[in-house]
Amino acid sequence: MDTTKARIQGNALVVTIPKSLGVEPSTEYRFSKESDGSLKLTPTKKVPETMTKLFKGWHGKDK
């Protein structure tokens, strides 16, 4: 497990996400602090829950 320290940068507190987690630059997240003190990051773009929802509105090309 990787570890990181929070640091001050200007008027913000910054935590670095290791590259090994594969997060793309400019990915936008909502964050929340859980009751146990842990921080939770959730992507703002919703991920479809089913294949049907993923392909809703898609009409593939016939070959």
C-alpha atoms as a PDB file:
ATOM      1  CA  MET A   1       0.000   0.000   0.000  1.00  0.00           C
ATOM      2  CA  ASP A   2       1.307   3.410  -0.983  1.00  0.00           C
ATOM      3  CA  THR A   3       1.269   6.245   1.527  1.00  0.00           C
ATOM      4  CA  THR A   4       1.243   9.995   1.064  1.00  0.00           C
ATOM      5  CA  LYS A   5       1.204  13.088   3.259  1.00  0.00           C
ATOM      6  CA  ALA A   6      -1.142  16.037   3.018  1.00  0.00           C
ATOM      7  CA  ARG A   7       0.696  19.299   2.395  1.00  0.00           C
ATOM      8  CA  ILE A   8      -0.244  22.955   2.159  1.00  0.00           C
ATOM      9  CA  GLN A   9      -0.155  24.581  -1.277  1.00  0.00           C
ATOM     10  CA  GLY A  10      -1.441  28.157  -1.217  1.00  0.00           C
ATOM     11  CA  ASN A  11      -4.793  28.128   0.568  1.00  0.00           C
ATOM     12  CA  ALA A  12      -5.397  24.431  -0.148  1.00  0.00           C
ATOM     13  CA  LEU A  13      -4.446  21.135   1.431  1.00  0.00           C
ATOM     14  CA  VAL A  14      -3.067  18.775  -1.250  1.00  0.00           C
ATOM     15  CA  VAL A  15      -2.782  14.979  -1.278  1.00  0.00           C
ATOM     16  CA  THR A  16      -0.838  13.353  -4.126  1.00  0.00           C
ATOM     17  CA  ILE A  17      -2.350  10.337  -5.906  1.00  0.00           C
ATOM     18  CA  PRO A  18       0.338   7.832  -6.941  1.00  0.00           C
ATOM     19  CA  LYS A  19       0.641   7.135 -10.706  1.00  0.00           C
ATOM     20  CA  SER A  20       0.376   3.420  -9.934  1.00  0.00           C
ATOM     21  CA  LEU A  21      -3.381   3.918  -9.369  1.00  0.00           C
ATOM     22  CA  GLY A  22      -3.850   4.829 -13.034  1.00  0.00           C
ATOM     23  CA  VAL A  23      -5.828   8.045 -12.521  1.00  0.00           C
ATOM     24  CA  GLU A  24      -5.911  10.179 -15.658  1.00  0.00           C
ATOM     25  CA  PRO A  25      -4.811  13.827 -15.355  1.00  0.00           C
ATOM     26  CA  SER A  26      -7.726  16.297 -15.192  1.00  0.00           C
ATOM     27  CA  THR A  27     -10.115  13.638 -13.848  1.00  0.00           C
ATOM     28  CA  GLU A  28     -12.744  15.453 -11.794  1.00  0.00           C
ATOM     29  CA  TYR A  29     -13.927  14.063  -8.458  1.00  0.00           C
ATOM     30  CA  ARG A  30     -16.387  14.840  -5.706  1.00  0.00           C
ATOM     31  CA  PHE A  31     -14.969  14.226  -2.282  1.00  0.00           C
ATOM     32  CA  SER A  32     -16.444  13.506   1.114  1.00  0.00           C
ATOM     33  CA  LYS A  33     -15.156  12.785   4.576  1.00  0.00           C
ATOM     34  CA  GLU A  34     -16.544   9.572   6.025  1.00  0.00           C
ATOM     35  CA  SER A  35     -17.574   9.117   9.659  1.00  0.00           C
ATOM     36  CA  ASP A  36     -14.366   7.152  10.339  1.00  0.00           C
ATOM     37  CA  GLY A  37     -12.259  10.072   9.044  1.00  0.00           C
ATOM     38  CA  SER A  38     -11.394   8.481   5.698  1.00  0.00           C
ATOM     39  CA  LEU A  39     -11.674  10.571   2.536  1.00  0.00           C
ATOM     40  CA  LYS A  40     -13.728   9.273  -0.375  1.00  0.00           C
ATOM     41  CA  LEU A  41     -13.203  10.391  -3.989  1.00  0.00           C
ATOM     42  CA  THR A  42     -15.998   9.720  -6.496  1.00  0.00           C
ATOM     43  CA  PRO A  43     -15.648  10.506 -10.217  1.00  0.00           C
ATOM     44  CA  THR A  44     -18.160  13.156 -11.287  1.00  0.00           C
ATOM     45  CA  LYS A  45     -18.877  11.291 -14.533  1.00  0.00           C
ATOM     46  CA  LYS A  46     -21.330   8.514 -13.777  1.00  0.00           C
ATOM     47  CA  VAL A  47     -20.289   5.044 -14.899  1.00  0.00           C
ATOM     48  CA  PRO A  48     -23.181   3.067 -16.460  1.00  0.00           C
ATOM     49  CA  GLU A  49     -24.396   0.278 -14.174  1.00  0.00           C
ATOM     50  CA  THR A  50     -25.351  -2.166 -16.945  1.00  0.00           C
ATOM     51  CA  MET A  51     -24.353  -2.951 -20.527  1.00  0.00           C
ATOM     52  CA  THR A  52     -27.834  -1.831 -21.630  1.00  0.00           C
ATOM     53  CA  LYS A  53     -27.311   1.606 -20.070  1.00  0.00           C
ATOM     54  CA  LEU A  54     -23.777   1.781 -21.496  1.00  0.00           C
ATOM     55  CA  PHE A  55     -25.011   1.279 -25.063  1.00  0.00           C
ATOM     56  CA  LYS A  56     -28.319   3.158 -24.766  1.00  0.00           C
ATOM     57  CA  GLY A  57     -28.813   5.242 -27.909  1.00  0.00           C
ATOM     58  CA  TRP A  58     -25.953   3.538 -29.775  1.00  0.00           C
ATOM     59  CA  HIS A  59     -26.732   2.169 -33.213  1.00  0.00           C
ATOM     60  CA  GLY A  60     -23.774   0.227 -34.510  1.00  0.00           C
ATOM     61  CA  LYS A  61     -22.781   0.075 -38.159  1.00  0.00           C
ATOM     62  CA  ASP A  62     -23.508  -3.105 -40.127  1.00  0.00           C
ATOM     63  CA  LYS A  63     -20.455  -4.576 -41.795  1.00  0.00           C
END
